[in-house]
């Protein structure tokens, strides 16, 4: 009888310790997302500042600019969802997709802004000569600064993303181990998705 009580006490203490470990690891992953969130907010703030400096923009950039703004709004919505449930696999997948769409939209915007503009047809004198390109716009140096800032922000967020992914990997390993797997199932711990 005494051995039964001792066994139950050991099992109870183990369960409490394993549960606390799972809670601690989940909390560490959520905190790591908080650090990543700060960097993503900086990216969206930079895009807002960029949008504000482009008023008004050349007509040939309006489509790329609209796509960039739409991607920024989508990324912001995905980020808001991920803030509410940072370890949910669906919201992490949406955030990853939103991040890639945003990067693609930025690249398209930069490519459009860098594309040489052709001179208006009325200014062409020789119809057999190839069209001449208009000199670079005065904002090209500013665009280079925005590109540099964009690269810096994503480089900073790469470290935070790596820290979050490491925390998620440790958490996922912990809830897959055999005895802890039972507690994870019992208390509703679900595997998280890395970004």
N, C-alpha and C. Protein backbone atom coordinates (compact mmCIF):
# COMPACT_ATOMS: atom_id res chain seq x y z
N UNK A 1 0.80 -1.19 0.00
CA UNK A 1 0.00 0.00 0.00
C UNK A 1 0.86 1.27 0.00
N UNK A 2 1.91 1.23 0.77
CA UNK A 2 2.82 2.37 0.83
C UNK A 2 3.49 2.60 -0.53
N UNK A 3 3.85 1.54 -1.19
CA UNK A 3 4.48 1.70 -2.52
C UNK A 3 3.51 2.28 -3.52
N UNK A 4 2.24 1.99 -3.40
CA UNK A 4 1.24 2.58 -4.30
C UNK A 4 1.15 4.08 -4.08
N UNK A 5 1.12 4.50 -2.81
CA UNK A 5 1.08 5.93 -2.50
C UNK A 5 2.35 6.64 -2.97
N UNK A 6 3.45 6.01 -2.80
CA UNK A 6 4.73 6.60 -3.26
C UNK A 6 4.73 6.71 -4.77
N UNK A 7 4.26 5.68 -5.45
CA UNK A 7 4.19 5.70 -6.92
C UNK A 7 3.25 6.80 -7.41
N UNK A 8 2.11 6.95 -6.76
CA UNK A 8 1.17 8.00 -7.13
C UNK A 8 1.76 9.39 -6.87
N UNK A 9 2.47 9.53 -5.76
CA UNK A 9 3.10 10.82 -5.47
C UNK A 9 4.17 11.15 -6.49
N UNK A 10 4.99 10.16 -6.86
CA UNK A 10 6.02 10.38 -7.88
C UNK A 10 5.37 10.75 -9.21
N UNK A 11 4.31 10.03 -9.58
CA UNK A 11 3.61 10.32 -10.82
C UNK A 11 3.01 11.72 -10.81
N UNK A 12 2.43 12.12 -9.70
CA UNK A 12 1.85 13.46 -9.58
C UNK A 12 2.93 14.53 -9.69
N UNK A 13 4.04 14.35 -8.98
CA UNK A 13 5.12 15.34 -9.05
C UNK A 13 5.71 15.40 -10.45
N UNK A 14 5.84 14.25 -11.10
CA UNK A 14 6.34 14.25 -12.48
C UNK A 14 5.37 15.01 -13.39
N UNK A 15 4.06 14.76 -13.24
CA UNK A 15 3.06 15.41 -14.10
C UNK A 15 3.08 16.92 -13.91
N UNK A 16 3.18 17.35 -12.66
CA UNK A 16 3.24 18.80 -12.39
C UNK A 16 4.50 19.40 -13.01
N UNK A 17 5.63 18.74 -12.87
CA UNK A 17 6.88 19.23 -13.45
C UNK A 17 6.84 19.25 -14.97
N UNK A 18 6.30 18.19 -15.57
CA UNK A 18 6.21 18.15 -17.04
C UNK A 18 5.25 19.21 -17.55
N UNK A 19 4.13 19.41 -16.87
CA UNK A 19 3.18 20.44 -17.27
C UNK A 19 3.83 21.83 -17.19
N UNK A 20 4.52 22.09 -16.09
CA UNK A 20 5.18 23.39 -15.94
C UNK A 20 6.23 23.61 -17.03
N UNK A 21 6.93 22.55 -17.41
CA UNK A 21 7.92 22.66 -18.49
C UNK A 21 7.24 23.01 -19.81
N UNK A 22 6.12 22.37 -20.11
CA UNK A 22 5.41 22.67 -21.35
C UNK A 22 4.89 24.11 -21.35
N UNK A 23 4.37 24.54 -20.22
CA UNK A 23 3.89 25.93 -20.12
C UNK A 23 5.04 26.91 -20.29
N UNK A 24 6.18 26.62 -19.68
CA UNK A 24 7.35 27.49 -19.78
C UNK A 24 7.85 27.56 -21.23
N UNK A 25 7.89 26.43 -21.92
CA UNK A 25 8.36 26.41 -23.31
C UNK A 25 7.38 27.13 -24.24
N UNK A 26 6.09 26.95 -23.98
CA UNK A 26 5.09 27.66 -24.79
C UNK A 26 5.21 29.16 -24.55
N UNK A 27 5.41 29.55 -23.32
CA UNK A 27 5.58 30.96 -22.98
C UNK A 27 6.83 31.54 -23.64
N UNK A 28 7.90 30.78 -23.67
CA UNK A 28 9.13 31.25 -24.32
C UNK A 28 8.91 31.47 -25.81
N UNK A 29 8.14 30.59 -26.45
CA UNK A 29 7.85 30.76 -27.87
C UNK A 29 6.98 31.99 -28.11
N UNK A 30 6.01 32.22 -27.24
CA UNK A 30 5.15 33.40 -27.37
C UNK A 30 5.97 34.68 -27.16
N UNK A 31 6.88 34.66 -26.19
CA UNK A 31 7.74 35.82 -25.96
C UNK A 31 8.66 36.06 -27.15
N UNK A 32 9.15 35.00 -27.76
CA UNK A 32 9.99 35.14 -28.94
C UNK A 32 9.19 35.76 -30.09
N UNK A 33 7.92 35.42 -30.18
CA UNK A 33 7.08 36.06 -31.21
C UNK A 33 6.91 37.54 -30.91
N UNK A 34 6.83 37.92 -29.64
CA UNK A 34 6.72 39.33 -29.28
C UNK A 34 7.90 40.14 -29.81
N UNK A 35 9.11 39.57 -29.71
CA UNK A 35 10.28 40.24 -30.27
C UNK A 35 10.21 40.35 -31.78
N UNK A 36 9.70 39.32 -32.41
CA UNK A 36 9.56 39.32 -33.87
C UNK A 36 8.49 40.33 -34.30
N UNK A 37 7.43 40.42 -33.52
CA UNK A 37 6.35 41.35 -33.82
C UNK A 37 6.86 42.79 -33.87
N UNK A 38 7.76 43.13 -32.98
CA UNK A 38 8.33 44.49 -32.96
C UNK A 38 9.01 44.79 -34.29
N UNK A 39 9.74 43.85 -34.82
CA UNK A 39 10.43 44.07 -36.10
C UNK A 39 9.45 44.15 -37.26
N UNK A 40 8.41 43.33 -37.24
CA UNK A 40 7.41 43.39 -38.30
C UNK A 40 6.64 44.70 -38.26
N UNK A 41 6.38 45.23 -37.07
CA UNK A 41 5.71 46.52 -36.95
C UNK A 41 6.60 47.62 -37.53
N UNK A 42 7.89 47.53 -37.33
CA UNK A 42 8.82 48.50 -37.92
C UNK A 42 8.76 48.47 -39.44
N UNK A 43 8.64 47.28 -40.01
CA UNK A 43 8.54 47.15 -41.47
C UNK A 43 7.26 47.83 -41.95
N UNK A 44 6.14 47.56 -41.30
CA UNK A 44 4.88 48.18 -41.75
C UNK A 44 4.91 49.69 -41.53
N UNK A 45 5.57 50.15 -40.49
CA UNK A 45 5.71 51.59 -40.27
C UNK A 45 6.54 52.22 -41.36
N UNK A 46 7.61 51.54 -41.76
CA UNK A 46 8.44 52.05 -42.83
C UNK A 46 7.64 52.16 -44.13
N UNK A 47 6.78 51.18 -44.38
CA UNK A 47 5.96 51.23 -45.60
C UNK A 47 4.97 52.39 -45.55
N UNK A 48 4.44 52.68 -44.37
CA UNK A 48 3.56 53.84 -44.22
C UNK A 48 4.30 55.15 -44.49
N UNK A 49 5.51 55.23 -43.98
CA UNK A 49 6.33 56.43 -44.22
C UNK A 49 6.67 56.55 -45.71
N UNK A 50 6.99 55.42 -46.33
CA UNK A 50 7.31 55.42 -47.76
C UNK A 50 6.11 55.88 -48.56
N UNK A 51 4.94 55.37 -48.22
CA UNK A 51 3.70 55.76 -48.92
C UNK A 51 3.45 57.26 -48.77
N UNK A 52 3.69 57.79 -47.59
CA UNK A 52 3.46 59.21 -47.34
C UNK A 52 4.41 60.09 -48.14
N UNK A 53 5.62 59.62 -48.39
CA UNK A 53 6.58 60.44 -49.14
C UNK A 53 6.33 60.40 -50.64
N UNK A 54 5.51 59.48 -51.12
CA UNK A 54 5.28 59.35 -52.56
C UNK A 54 4.11 60.16 -53.08
N UNK A 55 3.48 60.95 -52.26
CA UNK A 55 2.30 61.69 -52.72
C UNK A 55 2.73 62.94 -53.46
N UNK A 56 2.32 63.17 -54.66
CA UNK A 56 1.72 62.22 -55.61
C UNK A 56 2.83 61.42 -56.28
N UNK A 57 2.46 60.27 -56.79
CA UNK A 57 3.45 59.42 -57.45
C UNK A 57 3.23 59.44 -58.95
N UNK A 58 4.27 59.09 -59.71
CA UNK A 58 4.10 59.03 -61.15
C UNK A 58 3.04 57.99 -61.53
N UNK A 59 2.36 58.24 -62.64
CA UNK A 59 1.26 57.37 -63.06
C UNK A 59 1.72 55.94 -63.33
N UNK A 60 2.94 55.79 -63.85
CA UNK A 60 3.41 54.44 -64.19
C UNK A 60 3.68 53.59 -62.94
N UNK A 61 3.76 54.23 -61.78
CA UNK A 61 4.00 53.49 -60.54
C UNK A 61 2.72 53.19 -59.77
N UNK A 62 1.59 53.66 -60.25
CA UNK A 62 0.36 53.55 -59.47
C UNK A 62 -0.06 52.10 -59.26
N UNK A 63 0.09 51.25 -60.27
CA UNK A 63 -0.30 49.85 -60.11
C UNK A 63 0.60 49.13 -59.10
N UNK A 64 1.90 49.34 -59.22
CA UNK A 64 2.84 48.71 -58.28
C UNK A 64 2.64 49.27 -56.88
N UNK A 65 2.34 50.55 -56.80
CA UNK A 65 2.12 51.18 -55.50
C UNK A 65 0.84 50.65 -54.84
N UNK A 66 -0.20 50.46 -55.64
CA UNK A 66 -1.44 49.88 -55.12
C UNK A 66 -1.21 48.45 -54.64
N UNK A 67 -0.44 47.68 -55.41
CA UNK A 67 -0.14 46.30 -55.02
C UNK A 67 0.67 46.27 -53.72
N UNK A 68 1.61 47.21 -53.59
CA UNK A 68 2.41 47.28 -52.36
C UNK A 68 1.53 47.63 -51.17
N UNK A 69 0.63 48.58 -51.36
CA UNK A 69 -0.24 48.97 -50.26
C UNK A 69 -1.17 47.81 -49.87
N UNK A 70 -1.70 47.10 -50.87
CA UNK A 70 -2.57 45.96 -50.58
C UNK A 70 -1.80 44.86 -49.85
N UNK A 71 -0.57 44.61 -50.27
CA UNK A 71 0.26 43.60 -49.60
C UNK A 71 0.58 44.04 -48.17
N UNK A 72 0.78 45.32 -47.97
CA UNK A 72 1.06 45.84 -46.63
C UNK A 72 -0.16 45.67 -45.72
N UNK A 73 -1.33 45.93 -46.24
CA UNK A 73 -2.56 45.76 -45.47
C UNK A 73 -2.77 44.28 -45.15
N UNK A 74 -2.53 43.41 -46.14
CA UNK A 74 -2.67 41.97 -45.91
C UNK A 74 -1.69 41.50 -44.84
N UNK A 75 -0.45 41.96 -44.93
CA UNK A 75 0.56 41.57 -43.95
C UNK A 75 0.17 42.06 -42.55
N UNK A 76 -0.35 43.28 -42.48
CA UNK A 76 -0.80 43.82 -41.19
C UNK A 76 -1.94 42.99 -40.60
N UNK A 77 -2.87 42.55 -41.44
CA UNK A 77 -3.97 41.72 -40.96
C UNK A 77 -3.46 40.35 -40.49
N UNK A 78 -2.53 39.78 -41.24
CA UNK A 78 -1.95 38.49 -40.82
C UNK A 78 -1.17 38.65 -39.52
N UNK A 79 -0.48 39.77 -39.37
CA UNK A 79 0.27 40.03 -38.15
C UNK A 79 -0.67 40.19 -36.95
N UNK A 80 -1.80 40.84 -37.16
CA UNK A 80 -2.78 41.00 -36.08
C UNK A 80 -3.34 39.64 -35.66
N UNK A 81 -3.59 38.78 -36.63
CA UNK A 81 -4.07 37.44 -36.31
C UNK A 81 -3.02 36.63 -35.57
N UNK A 82 -1.77 36.78 -35.98
CA UNK A 82 -0.68 36.05 -35.33
C UNK A 82 -0.44 36.57 -33.92
N UNK A 83 -0.68 37.84 -33.68
CA UNK A 83 -0.55 38.37 -32.32
C UNK A 83 -1.54 37.71 -31.38
N UNK A 84 -2.74 37.47 -31.87
CA UNK A 84 -3.77 36.85 -31.04
C UNK A 84 -3.46 35.38 -30.77
N UNK A 85 -2.89 34.69 -31.76
CA UNK A 85 -2.58 33.27 -31.61
C UNK A 85 -1.23 32.98 -32.26
N UNK A 86 -0.14 33.35 -31.60
CA UNK A 86 1.18 33.25 -32.23
C UNK A 86 1.65 31.83 -32.50
N UNK A 87 1.11 30.84 -31.82
CA UNK A 87 1.56 29.47 -32.02
C UNK A 87 0.60 28.65 -32.87
N UNK A 88 -0.43 29.27 -33.39
CA UNK A 88 -1.38 28.57 -34.24
C UNK A 88 -0.76 28.36 -35.62
N UNK A 89 -0.84 27.13 -36.11
CA UNK A 89 -0.20 26.79 -37.39
C UNK A 89 -0.83 27.56 -38.55
N UNK A 90 -2.14 27.73 -38.53
CA UNK A 90 -2.81 28.45 -39.62
C UNK A 90 -2.42 29.91 -39.69
N UNK A 91 -2.38 30.58 -38.55
CA UNK A 91 -2.00 31.99 -38.56
C UNK A 91 -0.53 32.16 -38.91
N UNK A 92 0.31 31.21 -38.49
CA UNK A 92 1.73 31.28 -38.86
C UNK A 92 1.90 31.09 -40.36
N UNK A 93 1.13 30.19 -40.95
CA UNK A 93 1.20 29.99 -42.40
C UNK A 93 0.73 31.24 -43.15
N UNK A 94 -0.34 31.85 -42.65
CA UNK A 94 -0.84 33.08 -43.27
C UNK A 94 0.18 34.21 -43.15
N UNK A 95 0.82 34.32 -42.00
CA UNK A 95 1.83 35.35 -41.81
C UNK A 95 3.03 35.13 -42.73
N UNK A 96 3.43 33.89 -42.88
CA UNK A 96 4.54 33.58 -43.79
C UNK A 96 4.18 33.94 -45.23
N UNK A 97 2.97 33.58 -45.64
CA UNK A 97 2.53 33.92 -47.00
C UNK A 97 2.43 35.44 -47.17
N UNK A 98 1.89 36.12 -46.17
CA UNK A 98 1.79 37.57 -46.24
C UNK A 98 3.15 38.24 -46.32
N UNK A 99 4.12 37.69 -45.59
CA UNK A 99 5.48 38.24 -45.64
C UNK A 99 6.07 38.09 -47.03
N UNK A 100 5.88 36.93 -47.65
CA UNK A 100 6.43 36.70 -48.99
C UNK A 100 5.75 37.56 -50.04
N UNK A 101 4.43 37.75 -49.91
CA UNK A 101 3.71 38.63 -50.83
C UNK A 101 4.20 40.06 -50.67
N UNK A 102 4.42 40.49 -49.45
CA UNK A 102 4.92 41.84 -49.20
C UNK A 102 6.30 42.04 -49.81
N UNK A 103 7.17 41.07 -49.64
CA UNK A 103 8.51 41.18 -50.22
C UNK A 103 8.43 41.24 -51.75
N UNK A 104 7.56 40.43 -52.34
CA UNK A 104 7.41 40.44 -53.80
C UNK A 104 6.84 41.77 -54.28
N UNK A 105 5.88 42.33 -53.55
CA UNK A 105 5.30 43.62 -53.92
C UNK A 105 6.34 44.73 -53.81
N UNK A 106 7.17 44.68 -52.78
CA UNK A 106 8.23 45.69 -52.64
C UNK A 106 9.22 45.59 -53.81
N UNK A 107 9.60 44.37 -54.15
CA UNK A 107 10.53 44.18 -55.26
C UNK A 107 9.93 44.72 -56.56
N UNK A 108 8.65 44.46 -56.79
CA UNK A 108 7.98 44.97 -58.00
C UNK A 108 7.92 46.49 -57.98
N UNK A 109 7.68 47.06 -56.81
CA UNK A 109 7.63 48.52 -56.70
C UNK A 109 8.99 49.14 -57.01
N UNK A 110 10.04 48.55 -56.46
CA UNK A 110 11.38 49.07 -56.72
C UNK A 110 11.73 48.92 -58.20
N UNK A 111 11.40 47.77 -58.77
CA UNK A 111 11.69 47.53 -60.19
C UNK A 111 10.96 48.56 -61.05
N UNK A 112 9.70 48.84 -60.72
CA UNK A 112 8.92 49.83 -61.47
C UNK A 112 9.51 51.22 -61.31
N UNK A 113 9.92 51.55 -60.12
CA UNK A 113 10.50 52.88 -59.88
C UNK A 113 11.85 53.04 -60.58
N UNK A 114 12.58 51.94 -60.72
CA UNK A 114 13.89 52.00 -61.36
C UNK A 114 13.83 51.90 -62.89
N UNK A 115 12.71 51.45 -63.42
CA UNK A 115 12.59 51.31 -64.87
C UNK A 115 12.69 52.69 -65.52
N UNK A 116 13.57 52.81 -66.51
CA UNK A 116 13.70 54.13 -67.16
C UNK A 116 12.39 54.51 -67.84
N UNK A 117 12.03 55.75 -67.64
CA UNK A 117 10.83 56.26 -68.29
C UNK A 117 11.20 56.75 -69.68
N UNK A 118 10.31 56.55 -70.63
CA UNK A 118 10.58 57.01 -71.99
C UNK A 118 10.07 58.43 -72.13
N UNK A 119 10.74 59.16 -73.02
CA UNK A 119 10.33 60.54 -73.29
C UNK A 119 8.98 60.53 -73.99
N UNK A 120 8.15 61.53 -73.76
CA UNK A 120 6.85 61.61 -74.44
C UNK A 120 7.04 61.65 -75.95
N UNK A 121 6.07 61.14 -76.69
CA UNK A 121 6.19 61.03 -78.15
C UNK A 121 6.30 62.40 -78.80
N UNK A 122 5.70 63.42 -78.24
CA UNK A 122 5.76 64.76 -78.84
C UNK A 122 7.17 65.31 -78.82
N UNK A 123 8.01 64.88 -77.93
CA UNK A 123 9.36 65.40 -77.84
C UNK A 123 10.33 64.69 -78.78
N UNK A 124 9.92 63.60 -79.38
CA UNK A 124 10.81 62.86 -80.28
C UNK A 124 10.87 63.57 -81.62
N UNK A 125 12.08 63.85 -82.07
CA UNK A 125 12.26 64.55 -83.32
C UNK A 125 12.50 63.55 -84.44
N UNK A 126 13.42 62.64 -84.25
CA UNK A 126 13.77 61.66 -85.26
C UNK A 126 12.98 60.39 -84.99
N UNK A 127 12.11 60.02 -85.92
CA UNK A 127 11.27 58.85 -85.70
C UNK A 127 12.03 57.55 -85.91
N UNK A 128 13.19 57.60 -86.61
CA UNK A 128 13.98 56.39 -86.83
C UNK A 128 14.92 56.10 -85.67
N UNK A 129 15.19 57.08 -84.84
CA UNK A 129 16.11 56.90 -83.70
C UNK A 129 15.37 56.20 -82.57
N UNK A 130 16.10 55.41 -81.80
CA UNK A 130 15.44 54.75 -80.65
C UNK A 130 15.00 55.79 -79.64
N UNK A 131 13.92 55.53 -78.93
CA UNK A 131 13.46 56.50 -77.94
C UNK A 131 14.52 56.72 -76.86
N UNK A 132 14.65 57.96 -76.48
CA UNK A 132 15.64 58.28 -75.45
C UNK A 132 14.98 58.19 -74.08
N UNK A 133 15.76 57.79 -73.15
CA UNK A 133 15.24 57.69 -71.78
C UNK A 133 15.36 59.03 -71.10
N UNK A 134 14.39 59.32 -70.30
CA UNK A 134 14.41 60.54 -69.49
C UNK A 134 15.45 60.34 -68.39
N UNK A 135 16.18 61.37 -68.02
CA UNK A 135 17.16 61.21 -66.94
C UNK A 135 16.49 60.72 -65.66
N UNK A 136 17.26 60.08 -64.81
CA UNK A 136 16.68 59.56 -63.57
C UNK A 136 15.99 60.66 -62.78
N UNK A 137 14.93 60.27 -62.16
CA UNK A 137 14.18 61.22 -61.34
C UNK A 137 14.99 61.60 -60.11
N UNK A 138 14.76 62.80 -59.58
CA UNK A 138 15.51 63.21 -58.40
C UNK A 138 15.27 62.31 -57.20
N UNK A 139 14.19 61.56 -57.19
CA UNK A 139 13.89 60.69 -56.07
C UNK A 139 14.63 59.37 -56.08
N UNK A 140 15.48 59.13 -57.11
CA UNK A 140 16.19 57.85 -57.18
C UNK A 140 17.14 57.65 -56.02
N UNK A 141 17.78 58.74 -55.56
CA UNK A 141 18.65 58.62 -54.39
C UNK A 141 17.83 58.30 -53.14
N UNK A 142 16.65 58.88 -53.07
CA UNK A 142 15.77 58.60 -51.94
C UNK A 142 15.31 57.14 -51.98
N UNK A 143 15.06 56.64 -53.19
CA UNK A 143 14.66 55.24 -53.31
C UNK A 143 15.77 54.32 -52.84
N UNK A 144 17.00 54.67 -53.13
CA UNK A 144 18.14 53.86 -52.67
C UNK A 144 18.19 53.84 -51.13
N UNK A 145 17.87 54.97 -50.50
CA UNK A 145 17.83 55.00 -49.03
C UNK A 145 16.70 54.14 -48.49
N UNK A 146 15.54 54.17 -49.16
CA UNK A 146 14.42 53.32 -48.73
C UNK A 146 14.78 51.85 -48.91
N UNK A 147 15.44 51.52 -50.01
CA UNK A 147 15.86 50.13 -50.22
C UNK A 147 16.83 49.68 -49.14
N UNK A 148 17.76 50.55 -48.78
CA UNK A 148 18.72 50.22 -47.73
C UNK A 148 18.00 50.00 -46.40
N UNK A 149 17.07 50.87 -46.10
CA UNK A 149 16.31 50.73 -44.85
C UNK A 149 15.50 49.43 -44.86
N UNK A 150 14.91 49.11 -46.01
CA UNK A 150 14.14 47.87 -46.16
C UNK A 150 15.02 46.66 -45.87
N UNK A 151 16.21 46.63 -46.45
CA UNK A 151 17.14 45.52 -46.25
C UNK A 151 17.56 45.42 -44.79
N UNK A 152 17.83 46.56 -44.17
CA UNK A 152 18.24 46.56 -42.76
C UNK A 152 17.13 46.01 -41.86
N UNK A 153 15.90 46.42 -42.11
CA UNK A 153 14.78 45.96 -41.28
C UNK A 153 14.58 44.45 -41.42
N UNK A 154 14.69 43.93 -42.64
CA UNK A 154 14.52 42.49 -42.82
C UNK A 154 15.71 41.71 -42.26
N UNK A 155 16.89 42.30 -42.30
CA UNK A 155 18.05 41.63 -41.70
C UNK A 155 17.87 41.53 -40.18
N UNK A 156 17.36 42.61 -39.58
CA UNK A 156 17.11 42.58 -38.15
C UNK A 156 16.00 41.59 -37.79
N UNK A 157 14.98 41.52 -38.61
CA UNK A 157 13.89 40.60 -38.31
C UNK A 157 14.29 39.15 -38.55
N UNK A 158 15.33 38.92 -39.36
CA UNK A 158 15.78 37.55 -39.61
C UNK A 158 16.29 36.90 -38.33
N UNK A 159 17.01 37.66 -37.51
CA UNK A 159 17.50 37.13 -36.23
C UNK A 159 16.33 36.82 -35.29
N UNK A 160 15.36 37.72 -35.23
CA UNK A 160 14.19 37.48 -34.38
C UNK A 160 13.38 36.29 -34.90
N UNK A 161 13.31 36.13 -36.22
CA UNK A 161 12.61 34.98 -36.80
C UNK A 161 13.32 33.69 -36.43
N UNK A 162 14.63 33.72 -36.48
CA UNK A 162 15.41 32.53 -36.11
C UNK A 162 15.20 32.17 -34.64
N UNK A 163 15.17 33.18 -33.78
CA UNK A 163 14.93 32.92 -32.35
C UNK A 163 13.54 32.34 -32.13
N UNK A 164 12.54 32.86 -32.83
CA UNK A 164 11.19 32.33 -32.70
C UNK A 164 11.14 30.89 -33.21
N UNK A 165 11.75 30.63 -34.36
CA UNK A 165 11.74 29.28 -34.92
C UNK A 165 12.45 28.29 -34.00
N UNK A 166 13.53 28.72 -33.36
CA UNK A 166 14.21 27.85 -32.40
C UNK A 166 13.33 27.54 -31.20
N UNK A 167 12.64 28.56 -30.68
CA UNK A 167 11.75 28.36 -29.54
C UNK A 167 10.59 27.43 -29.91
N UNK A 168 10.08 27.57 -31.13
CA UNK A 168 9.00 26.70 -31.60
C UNK A 168 9.49 25.27 -31.73
N UNK A 169 10.71 25.10 -32.23
CA UNK A 169 11.26 23.74 -32.39
C UNK A 169 11.43 23.06 -31.04
N UNK A 170 11.92 23.78 -30.04
CA UNK A 170 12.08 23.21 -28.70
C UNK A 170 10.71 22.85 -28.12
N UNK A 171 9.75 23.73 -28.26
CA UNK A 171 8.39 23.47 -27.76
C UNK A 171 7.78 22.25 -28.45
N UNK A 172 7.92 22.18 -29.78
CA UNK A 172 7.35 21.04 -30.52
C UNK A 172 8.01 19.72 -30.13
N UNK A 173 9.33 19.75 -29.92
CA UNK A 173 10.01 18.53 -29.47
C UNK A 173 9.49 18.09 -28.10
N UNK A 174 9.26 19.06 -27.23
CA UNK A 174 8.82 18.73 -25.87
C UNK A 174 7.42 18.10 -25.88
N UNK A 175 6.52 18.59 -26.72
CA UNK A 175 5.17 18.01 -26.69
C UNK A 175 5.09 16.71 -27.48
N UNK A 176 6.15 16.35 -28.20
CA UNK A 176 6.16 15.07 -28.91
C UNK A 176 6.83 13.95 -28.13
N UNK A 177 7.52 14.28 -27.06
CA UNK A 177 8.16 13.23 -26.25
C UNK A 177 7.07 12.41 -25.58
N UNK A 178 7.36 11.12 -25.39
CA UNK A 178 6.30 10.21 -24.99
C UNK A 178 5.56 10.58 -23.71
N UNK A 179 6.17 10.65 -22.58
CA UNK A 179 5.28 10.89 -21.43
C UNK A 179 4.61 12.26 -21.49
N UNK A 180 5.35 13.26 -21.97
CA UNK A 180 4.79 14.61 -22.03
C UNK A 180 3.71 14.70 -23.10
N UNK A 181 3.75 13.83 -24.09
CA UNK A 181 2.74 13.81 -25.14
C UNK A 181 1.35 13.59 -24.54
N UNK A 182 1.28 12.75 -23.52
CA UNK A 182 0.00 12.49 -22.86
C UNK A 182 -0.54 13.75 -22.19
N UNK A 183 0.34 14.47 -21.51
CA UNK A 183 -0.09 15.72 -20.88
C UNK A 183 -0.45 16.77 -21.92
N UNK A 184 0.32 16.82 -23.02
CA UNK A 184 0.01 17.77 -24.09
C UNK A 184 -1.37 17.50 -24.66
N UNK A 185 -1.69 16.23 -24.84
CA UNK A 185 -3.02 15.87 -25.35
C UNK A 185 -4.09 16.22 -24.33
N UNK A 186 -3.83 15.92 -23.09
CA UNK A 186 -4.80 16.14 -22.02
C UNK A 186 -5.10 17.62 -21.82
N UNK A 187 -4.08 18.49 -21.87
CA UNK A 187 -4.25 19.90 -21.60
C UNK A 187 -4.33 20.76 -22.85
N UNK A 188 -4.36 20.17 -24.03
CA UNK A 188 -4.58 20.91 -25.27
C UNK A 188 -3.38 21.66 -25.81
N UNK A 189 -2.19 21.17 -25.57
CA UNK A 189 -1.00 21.78 -26.18
C UNK A 189 -0.91 21.26 -27.62
N UNK A 190 -0.83 22.18 -28.57
CA UNK A 190 -0.75 21.79 -29.98
C UNK A 190 0.58 22.22 -30.56
N UNK A 191 1.03 21.49 -31.56
CA UNK A 191 2.30 21.83 -32.22
C UNK A 191 2.17 23.20 -32.90
N UNK A 192 3.24 23.95 -32.82
CA UNK A 192 3.29 25.28 -33.44
C UNK A 192 4.00 25.16 -34.79
N UNK A 193 3.91 26.20 -35.59
CA UNK A 193 4.56 26.21 -36.91
C UNK A 193 5.60 27.31 -36.93
N UNK A 194 6.76 26.97 -37.44
CA UNK A 194 7.82 27.96 -37.58
C UNK A 194 7.51 28.89 -38.76
N UNK A 195 8.13 30.05 -38.76
CA UNK A 195 7.94 31.00 -39.85
C UNK A 195 9.01 30.86 -40.90
